[in-house]
């Protein structure tokens, strides 16, 4: 093994310029592969960061406008969802574990002695914390005891809490006035772009004279495994609401739906295709360097025909010649390939530092699994590049090689 390494080193030293130019092509191919894989990983990481997989089994529903006449009703009728629709949905669909209603009270002012907000609040169930990715800074979010007891409690964004109380840390436990009533602030949250206030849905319903108009329903469905399961669950919910609001079950305009589960599966499949496309592009880029390595090995075999003949004449087995040529090819590919890996990784780290948490692109770096795959690709590429020159080398007949000049 030591002799083989010395021979490889000697060969590389004797052909420095040729080896360097060929190696640059290999390094560039690997560099591009690493950068492309890292960029794709950044997009995938951003997707997973923005989608809570634990809440991907939900279907969000909004009222629409009918496009078909049905049972004496004309088309063009607005479908107003109700909080009580939850009972019909859960009764008809055994795999539905919960239904949460949401409503917006846009005209309500939130007032303190210091200042006021005029953008109202959103009446919600506790599930809104997960679906909205609400990160609590102080206190807590709306809970089911608030819902059952119709408590007048409110959750504020930290910016709004600072405006109303001067210091967001002092908001929890204090009161605000809204709709002519006092509300206790139970939590302060932080979010990059969302700043709405939250209150319990049942409290909103009670103080508006049992107005049960819901802006949105969020249905949580258990047991979904495939896209067909998601579509079946959505169809069942649609059928329940069609009976509840007297519109045609075939009228797709009557409701607007967002099936997060099927969307999640489709996005995962799309990112799988993206990953495959990156590998294909990267491998083809790498092939340009591999062709160069193969060419340099053909030239090397040609220049060393006399040497190969002597070795064969004194008893060297074809396997020894084959091993040497393949080892030289793998060595060139691996050496410059790892230079490409290091350079690509460094560039990705620099991009990650400069871009930070840019929306849609998060942590564009490669992990150990990708590094292992690239290493395997390097070794296989090097072996492939040296295979044909090696086969040519073992076909050299000792007598003809010794005559060669």
Protein backbone atom coordinates (compact mmCIF):
# COMPACT_ATOMS: atom_id res chain seq x y z
CA UNK A 1 0.00 0.00 0.00
CA UNK A 2 2.84 2.39 0.86
CA UNK A 3 4.53 1.69 -2.48
CA UNK A 4 1.27 2.36 -4.28
CA UNK A 5 0.90 5.71 -2.53
CA UNK A 6 4.46 6.66 -3.46
CA UNK A 7 3.83 5.79 -7.11
CA UNK A 8 0.66 7.89 -7.14
CA UNK A 9 2.49 10.86 -5.58
CA UNK A 10 5.34 10.50 -8.09
CA UNK A 11 2.92 10.46 -11.01
CA UNK A 12 1.16 13.60 -9.78
CA UNK A 13 4.48 15.42 -9.28
CA UNK A 14 5.70 14.52 -12.77
CA UNK A 15 2.58 15.98 -14.38
CA UNK A 16 1.81 18.93 -12.13
CA UNK A 17 0.34 21.34 -14.68
CA UNK A 18 -1.77 18.72 -16.41
CA UNK A 19 -3.00 17.33 -13.10
CA UNK A 20 -3.76 20.83 -11.78
CA UNK A 21 -5.81 21.86 -14.81
CA UNK A 22 -7.76 18.61 -14.76
CA UNK A 23 -8.27 18.81 -11.00
CA UNK A 24 -9.71 22.33 -11.23
CA UNK A 25 -12.53 20.97 -13.38
CA UNK A 26 -13.26 18.30 -10.75
CA UNK A 27 -13.12 20.84 -7.90
CA UNK A 28 -15.48 23.16 -9.77
CA UNK A 29 -17.97 20.36 -10.40
CA UNK A 30 -18.01 19.34 -6.73
CA UNK A 31 -18.14 23.00 -5.65
CA UNK A 32 -21.25 23.58 -7.79
CA UNK A 33 -22.84 20.36 -6.51
CA UNK A 34 -22.30 21.41 -2.88
CA UNK A 35 -23.62 24.95 -3.48
CA UNK A 36 -26.70 23.68 -5.32
CA UNK A 37 -27.43 21.11 -2.61
CA UNK A 38 -26.98 23.75 0.08
CA UNK A 39 -29.28 26.19 -1.70
CA UNK A 40 -31.95 23.49 -2.10
CA UNK A 41 -31.53 22.61 1.58
CA UNK A 42 -32.08 26.28 2.48
CA UNK A 43 -35.42 26.30 0.66
CA UNK A 44 -36.48 22.99 2.27
CA UNK A 45 -35.43 24.19 5.75
CA UNK A 46 -37.47 27.35 5.29
CA UNK A 47 -40.49 25.27 4.30
CA UNK A 48 -40.23 23.07 7.38
CA UNK A 49 -39.66 26.11 9.60
CA UNK A 50 -42.81 27.80 8.33
CA UNK A 51 -44.98 24.68 8.39
CA UNK A 52 -45.69 23.04 11.71
CA UNK A 53 -45.90 19.34 10.80
CA UNK A 54 -47.97 18.68 13.92
CA UNK A 55 -50.67 21.07 12.59
CA UNK A 56 -50.49 19.81 9.00
CA UNK A 57 -53.54 17.60 9.62
CA UNK A 58 -55.91 20.56 9.51
CA UNK A 59 -58.38 21.84 6.92
CA UNK A 60 -59.21 25.56 6.94
CA UNK A 61 -62.58 26.63 5.55
CA UNK A 62 -64.00 30.04 4.54
CA UNK A 63 -67.45 30.93 3.26
CA UNK A 64 -67.83 31.48 -0.49
CA UNK A 65 -70.53 32.38 -3.02
CA UNK A 66 -72.72 29.69 -4.56
CA UNK A 67 -72.55 29.18 -8.32
CA UNK A 68 -75.44 26.68 -8.62
CA UNK A 69 -79.17 26.99 -7.78
CA UNK A 70 -80.21 24.48 -5.11
CA UNK A 71 -83.58 23.58 -3.52
CA UNK A 72 -85.22 26.87 -4.48
CA UNK A 73 -82.15 29.00 -3.63
CA UNK A 74 -80.65 31.04 -6.44
CA UNK A 75 -76.99 31.06 -7.27
CA UNK A 76 -74.81 33.96 -6.06
CA UNK A 77 -75.77 33.41 -2.42
CA UNK A 78 -73.14 34.16 0.23
CA UNK A 79 -72.45 31.28 2.62
CA UNK A 80 -71.94 32.56 6.16
CA UNK A 81 -70.18 30.01 8.35
CA UNK A 82 -71.30 29.61 11.96
CA UNK A 83 -69.49 28.48 15.07
CA UNK A 84 -72.26 25.91 15.56
CA UNK A 85 -71.21 24.24 12.29
CA UNK A 86 -68.63 22.45 14.43
CA UNK A 87 -71.32 20.12 15.84
CA UNK A 88 -72.51 18.99 12.40
CA UNK A 89 -68.98 18.42 11.16
CA UNK A 90 -67.96 16.31 14.17
CA UNK A 91 -71.22 14.33 14.12
CA UNK A 92 -70.84 13.35 10.45
CA UNK A 93 -67.08 12.75 10.43
CA UNK A 94 -65.71 10.36 13.02
CA UNK A 95 -62.09 11.16 12.21
CA UNK A 96 -62.52 14.87 13.11
CA UNK A 97 -61.00 15.50 16.54
CA UNK A 98 -61.78 19.23 16.86
CA UNK A 99 -63.30 22.22 15.08
CA UNK A 100 -62.25 25.75 15.97
CA UNK A 101 -64.13 28.88 14.84
CA UNK A 102 -62.51 32.28 14.25
CA UNK A 103 -63.94 35.77 13.80
CA UNK A 104 -62.50 39.26 13.42
CA UNK A 105 -63.84 42.29 15.29
CA UNK A 106 -62.20 44.99 13.17
CA UNK A 107 -64.10 48.01 14.50
CA UNK A 108 -63.38 47.51 18.21
CA UNK A 109 -60.89 49.87 19.87
CA UNK A 110 -58.52 48.65 22.59
CA UNK A 111 -57.93 51.48 25.07
CA UNK A 112 -55.79 52.27 28.10
CA UNK A 113 -55.15 55.54 29.92
CA UNK A 114 -51.89 55.83 27.99
CA UNK A 115 -52.97 55.16 24.36
CA UNK A 116 -55.31 53.11 22.16
CA UNK A 117 -55.41 50.67 19.21
CA UNK A 118 -58.08 50.89 16.52
CA UNK A 119 -57.43 47.62 14.63
CA UNK A 120 -59.76 45.47 16.77
CA UNK A 121 -59.06 41.88 17.82
CA UNK A 122 -59.45 38.34 16.56
CA UNK A 123 -61.79 35.94 18.40
CA UNK A 124 -60.14 32.53 18.47
CA UNK A 125 -59.81 29.11 20.04
CA UNK A 126 -56.54 27.89 21.65
CA UNK A 127 -55.56 26.13 18.40
CA UNK A 128 -54.74 29.55 16.93
CA UNK A 129 -51.47 29.60 18.89
CA UNK A 130 -50.14 26.60 16.96
CA UNK A 131 -51.57 27.41 13.54
CA UNK A 132 -50.43 31.04 13.78
CA UNK A 133 -47.01 30.18 15.23
CA UNK A 134 -47.59 32.50 18.18
CA UNK A 135 -44.43 32.76 20.28
CA UNK A 136 -45.35 33.85 23.80
CA UNK A 137 -42.95 36.36 25.36
CA UNK A 138 -44.84 36.85 28.65
CA UNK A 139 -47.84 35.15 30.17
CA UNK A 140 -49.95 32.65 28.23
CA UNK A 141 -52.27 32.28 25.26
CA UNK A 142 -56.05 31.74 25.30
CA UNK A 143 -56.90 28.37 26.89
CA UNK A 144 -60.01 26.18 27.05
CA UNK A 145 -60.96 27.43 30.49
CA UNK A 146 -61.20 30.91 28.98
CA UNK A 147 -63.43 29.40 26.30
CA UNK A 148 -65.72 27.47 28.65
CA UNK A 149 -66.10 30.34 31.16
CA UNK A 150 -66.35 33.06 28.50
CA UNK A 151 -63.63 35.07 30.21
CA UNK A 152 -62.83 38.61 29.12
CA UNK A 153 -59.13 38.08 28.56
CA UNK A 154 -56.86 39.27 25.80
CA UNK A 155 -53.43 38.51 24.31
CA UNK A 156 -51.43 41.41 22.81
CA UNK A 157 -48.49 41.71 20.49
CA UNK A 158 -45.39 43.02 22.27
CA UNK A 159 -45.34 46.17 20.11
CA UNK A 160 -48.96 46.95 21.01
CA UNK A 161 -48.39 46.11 24.67
CA UNK A 162 -45.50 48.61 24.70
CA UNK A 163 -47.74 51.26 23.12
CA UNK A 164 -50.58 50.72 25.59
CA UNK A 165 -48.54 50.30 28.79
CA UNK A 166 -45.16 51.88 28.03
CA UNK A 167 -43.40 48.58 28.83
CA UNK A 168 -44.51 45.20 27.46
CA UNK A 169 -43.28 43.46 30.62
CA UNK A 170 -45.95 45.31 32.65
CA UNK A 171 -48.89 44.35 30.41
CA UNK A 172 -49.73 40.91 31.85
CA UNK A 173 -52.26 41.26 34.67
CA UNK A 174 -53.32 44.78 33.71
CA UNK A 175 -56.61 45.65 31.99
CA UNK A 176 -57.65 47.28 28.74
CA UNK A 177 -61.04 48.57 27.66
CA UNK A 178 -62.75 47.32 24.50
CA UNK A 179 -66.39 47.30 23.38
CA UNK A 180 -67.29 49.11 26.63
CA UNK A 181 -65.92 46.28 28.80
CA UNK A 182 -62.74 45.66 30.80
CA UNK A 183 -60.45 42.88 29.58
CA UNK A 184 -57.50 41.37 31.46
CA UNK A 185 -54.26 40.97 29.50
CA UNK A 186 -53.07 37.39 30.10
CA UNK A 187 -50.24 37.22 27.58
CA UNK A 188 -47.85 39.11 25.32
CA UNK A 189 -46.49 37.43 22.17
CA UNK A 190 -43.91 38.19 19.55
CA UNK A 191 -44.18 37.67 15.81
CA UNK A 192 -42.22 39.06 12.91
CA UNK A 193 -45.17 40.43 10.91
CA UNK A 194 -48.44 39.55 12.68
CA UNK A 195 -49.56 42.04 15.38
CA UNK A 196 -53.30 41.39 15.92
CA UNK A 197 -54.80 40.97 19.38
CA UNK A 198 -56.58 37.77 20.46
CA UNK A 199 -59.65 37.09 22.64
CA UNK A 200 -61.76 33.94 23.30
CA UNK A 201 -64.34 33.17 20.61
CA UNK A 202 -67.08 32.33 23.11
CA UNK A 203 -66.64 35.69 24.86
CA UNK A 204 -66.97 37.49 21.51
CA UNK A 205 -70.12 35.45 20.81
CA UNK A 206 -71.65 36.30 24.19
CA UNK A 207 -71.02 40.04 24.12
CA UNK A 208 -72.33 40.39 20.55
CA UNK A 209 -75.73 38.92 21.42
CA UNK A 210 -74.85 35.34 20.49
CA UNK A 211 -73.75 36.41 17.03
CA UNK A 212 -72.25 33.15 15.85
CA UNK A 213 -70.95 34.35 12.48
CA UNK A 214 -67.54 32.80 11.93
CA UNK A 215 -64.97 34.11 9.49
CA UNK A 216 -63.12 30.80 9.36
CA UNK A 217 -63.32 27.21 10.62
CA UNK A 218 -60.23 25.14 11.32
CA UNK A 219 -60.95 21.39 11.33
CA UNK A 220 -58.40 18.95 12.79
CA UNK A 221 -58.58 15.48 11.23
CA UNK A 222 -56.85 12.39 12.61
CA UNK A 223 -55.65 9.28 10.78
CA UNK A 224 -54.72 10.86 7.44
CA UNK A 225 -51.76 9.08 5.82
CA UNK A 226 -52.07 9.63 2.08
CA UNK A 227 -53.29 12.32 -0.27
CA UNK A 228 -56.42 10.23 -0.91
CA UNK A 229 -57.14 10.26 2.85
CA UNK A 230 -56.89 14.05 2.87
CA UNK A 231 -59.19 14.45 -0.13
CA UNK A 232 -61.73 12.04 1.39
CA UNK A 233 -61.75 13.97 4.70
CA UNK A 234 -62.19 17.28 2.88
CA UNK A 235 -65.08 15.85 0.83
CA UNK A 236 -66.81 14.65 4.02
CA UNK A 237 -66.54 18.05 5.68
CA UNK A 238 -67.76 19.78 2.51
CA UNK A 239 -70.79 17.47 2.40
CA UNK A 240 -71.66 18.24 6.04
CA UNK A 241 -71.52 21.99 5.47
CA UNK A 242 -73.51 21.66 2.23
CA UNK A 243 -76.37 20.06 4.16
CA UNK A 244 -76.03 22.56 7.01
CA UNK A 245 -76.21 25.64 4.73
CA UNK A 246 -78.39 24.20 1.96
CA UNK A 247 -76.10 24.40 -1.05
CA UNK A 248 -75.23 21.79 -3.65
CA UNK A 249 -72.50 19.31 -2.56
CA UNK A 250 -71.02 19.68 -6.05
CA UNK A 251 -70.78 23.49 -5.86
CA UNK A 252 -67.06 24.02 -5.20
CA UNK A 253 -67.46 27.82 -5.15
CA UNK A 254 -69.71 27.71 -2.08
CA UNK A 255 -66.70 27.24 0.21
CA UNK A 256 -63.04 28.06 0.02
CA UNK A 257 -60.86 25.37 1.57
CA UNK A 258 -57.20 24.91 2.33
CA UNK A 259 -56.30 21.31 3.02
CA UNK A 260 -52.97 21.69 4.78
CA UNK A 261 -52.35 17.94 4.77
CA UNK A 262 -52.58 17.44 1.01
CA UNK A 263 -50.67 20.69 0.47
CA UNK A 264 -47.95 19.43 2.80
CA UNK A 265 -47.67 16.10 0.94
CA UNK A 266 -47.49 17.86 -2.43
CA UNK A 267 -44.82 20.25 -1.18
CA UNK A 268 -42.77 17.38 0.23
CA UNK A 269 -43.02 15.59 -3.13
CA UNK A 270 -42.03 18.80 -4.96
CA UNK A 271 -38.98 19.24 -2.75
CA UNK A 272 -38.05 15.62 -3.45
CA UNK A 273 -38.07 16.43 -7.18
CA UNK A 274 -36.04 19.57 -6.46
CA UNK A 275 -33.44 17.50 -4.64
CA UNK A 276 -33.30 15.03 -7.53
CA UNK A 277 -32.95 17.84 -10.08
CA UNK A 278 -30.08 19.37 -8.09
CA UNK A 279 -28.27 16.04 -8.00
CA UNK A 280 -28.75 15.55 -11.75
CA UNK A 281 -27.46 19.05 -12.56
CA UNK A 282 -24.56 18.64 -10.13
CA UNK A 283 -23.57 15.22 -11.46
CA UNK A 284 -23.59 16.48 -15.05
CA UNK A 285 -21.43 19.42 -13.98
CA UNK A 286 -19.09 16.97 -12.26
CA UNK A 287 -18.95 14.81 -15.40
CA UNK A 288 -17.02 17.52 -17.23
CA UNK A 289 -14.26 17.12 -14.69
CA UNK A 290 -14.50 13.33 -14.73
CA UNK A 291 -14.01 13.30 -18.50
CA UNK A 292 -10.85 15.34 -17.97
CA UNK A 293 -9.58 12.87 -15.38
CA UNK A 294 -10.30 9.98 -17.73
CA UNK A 295 -8.41 11.72 -20.54
CA UNK A 296 -5.39 12.40 -18.35
CA UNK A 297 -5.32 8.75 -17.29
CA UNK A 298 -5.43 7.64 -20.95
CA UNK A 299 -2.43 9.90 -21.62
CA UNK A 300 -0.68 8.58 -18.52
CA UNK A 301 -1.21 4.98 -19.61
CA UNK A 302 0.12 5.84 -23.08
CA UNK A 303 3.23 7.52 -21.67
CA UNK A 304 3.91 4.60 -19.32
CA UNK A 305 3.37 1.83 -21.86
CA UNK A 306 7.06 0.86 -21.69
CA UNK A 307 6.94 0.84 -17.86
CA UNK A 308 3.81 -1.31 -17.87
CA UNK A 309 5.46 -3.75 -20.28
CA UNK A 310 8.47 -4.15 -18.00
CA UNK A 311 6.27 -4.72 -14.97
CA UNK A 312 4.22 -7.31 -16.84
CA UNK A 313 7.41 -9.01 -18.07
CA UNK A 314 8.80 -9.42 -14.55
CA UNK A 315 5.56 -10.95 -13.27
CA UNK A 316 3.17 -8.14 -12.35
CA UNK A 317 -0.42 -9.35 -12.45
CA UNK A 318 -3.05 -7.49 -14.48
CA UNK A 319 -4.91 -6.81 -11.22
CA UNK A 320 -1.90 -4.88 -9.90
CA UNK A 321 -1.81 -2.67 -13.00
CA UNK A 322 -5.58 -2.21 -12.80
CA UNK A 323 -5.38 -1.25 -9.12
CA UNK A 324 -2.64 1.32 -9.71
CA UNK A 325 -4.46 3.13 -12.54
CA UNK A 326 -7.77 3.14 -10.64
CA UNK A 327 -6.04 4.35 -7.47
CA UNK A 328 -4.39 7.22 -9.33
CA UNK A 329 -7.73 8.24 -10.84
CA UNK A 330 -9.52 8.10 -7.45
CA UNK A 331 -6.67 10.03 -5.82
CA UNK A 332 -6.88 12.91 -8.33
CA UNK A 333 -10.67 13.04 -8.07
CA UNK A 334 -10.72 12.82 -4.27
CA UNK A 335 -7.95 15.38 -3.73
CA UNK A 336 -9.49 18.11 -5.85
CA UNK A 337 -13.01 17.00 -5.00
CA UNK A 338 -12.41 17.67 -1.31
CA UNK A 339 -11.02 21.07 -2.21
CA UNK A 340 -14.37 21.72 -3.91
CA UNK A 341 -16.26 20.43 -0.85
CA UNK A 342 -14.36 22.73 1.50
CA UNK A 343 -14.79 25.74 -0.79
CA UNK A 344 -18.50 25.05 -1.30
CA UNK A 345 -19.10 24.57 2.43
CA UNK A 346 -17.25 27.80 3.21
CA UNK A 347 -19.33 29.75 0.69
CA UNK A 348 -22.56 28.35 2.13
CA UNK A 349 -21.52 29.29 5.66
CA UNK A 350 -20.72 32.81 4.45
CA UNK A 351 -24.11 33.07 2.70
CA UNK A 352 -25.84 31.83 5.86
CA UNK A 353 -24.07 34.49 7.96
CA UNK A 354 -24.90 37.27 5.51
CA UNK A 355 -28.54 36.37 4.85
CA UNK A 356 -29.50 35.31 8.38
CA UNK A 357 -33.17 34.35 8.65
CA UNK A 358 -34.32 35.62 5.27
CA UNK A 359 -37.86 34.49 4.53
CA UNK A 360 -37.84 31.51 2.15
CA UNK A 361 -34.16 30.68 2.67
CA UNK A 362 -33.01 29.27 6.00
CA UNK A 363 -29.71 27.64 6.98
CA UNK A 364 -28.44 26.80 3.45
CA UNK A 365 -25.74 24.43 4.65
CA UNK A 366 -24.98 20.76 4.03
CA UNK A 367 -25.14 18.18 6.79
CA UNK A 368 -23.08 15.03 7.35
CA UNK A 369 -25.52 12.88 5.35
CA UNK A 370 -25.06 15.05 2.24
CA UNK A 371 -21.29 15.11 2.76
CA UNK A 372 -21.30 11.30 2.85
CA UNK A 373 -23.31 11.15 -0.38
CA UNK A 374 -20.93 13.57 -2.10
CA UNK A 375 -17.94 11.55 -0.86
CA UNK A 376 -19.49 8.39 -2.29
CA UNK A 377 -20.10 10.22 -5.57
CA UNK A 378 -16.44 11.30 -5.59
CA UNK A 379 -15.12 7.78 -5.12
CA UNK A 380 -17.45 6.29 -7.72
CA UNK A 381 -16.64 9.09 -10.17
CA UNK A 382 -12.92 8.59 -9.71
CA UNK A 383 -13.22 4.84 -10.19
CA UNK A 384 -15.36 5.33 -13.30
CA UNK A 385 -12.91 7.86 -14.73
CA UNK A 386 -10.02 5.43 -14.35
CA UNK A 387 -11.86 2.27 -15.41
CA UNK A 388 -11.42 2.51 -19.17
CA UNK A 389 -7.76 3.65 -19.06
CA UNK A 390 -7.10 0.81 -16.58
CA UNK A 391 -8.71 -1.74 -18.89
CA UNK A 392 -6.56 -0.44 -21.72
CA UNK A 393 -3.47 -0.75 -19.53
CA UNK A 394 -4.04 -4.43 -18.68
CA UNK A 395 -4.56 -5.24 -22.36
CA UNK A 396 -1.01 -4.13 -23.18
CA UNK A 397 1.06 -7.14 -24.18
CA UNK A 398 4.51 -7.19 -22.57
CA UNK A 399 6.39 -7.85 -25.84
CA UNK A 400 4.66 -5.00 -27.70
CA UNK A 401 5.09 -2.69 -24.73
CA UNK A 402 8.83 -3.34 -24.54
CA UNK A 403 9.17 -2.43 -28.22
CA UNK A 404 7.22 0.78 -27.72
CA UNK A 405 9.20 3.99 -27.73
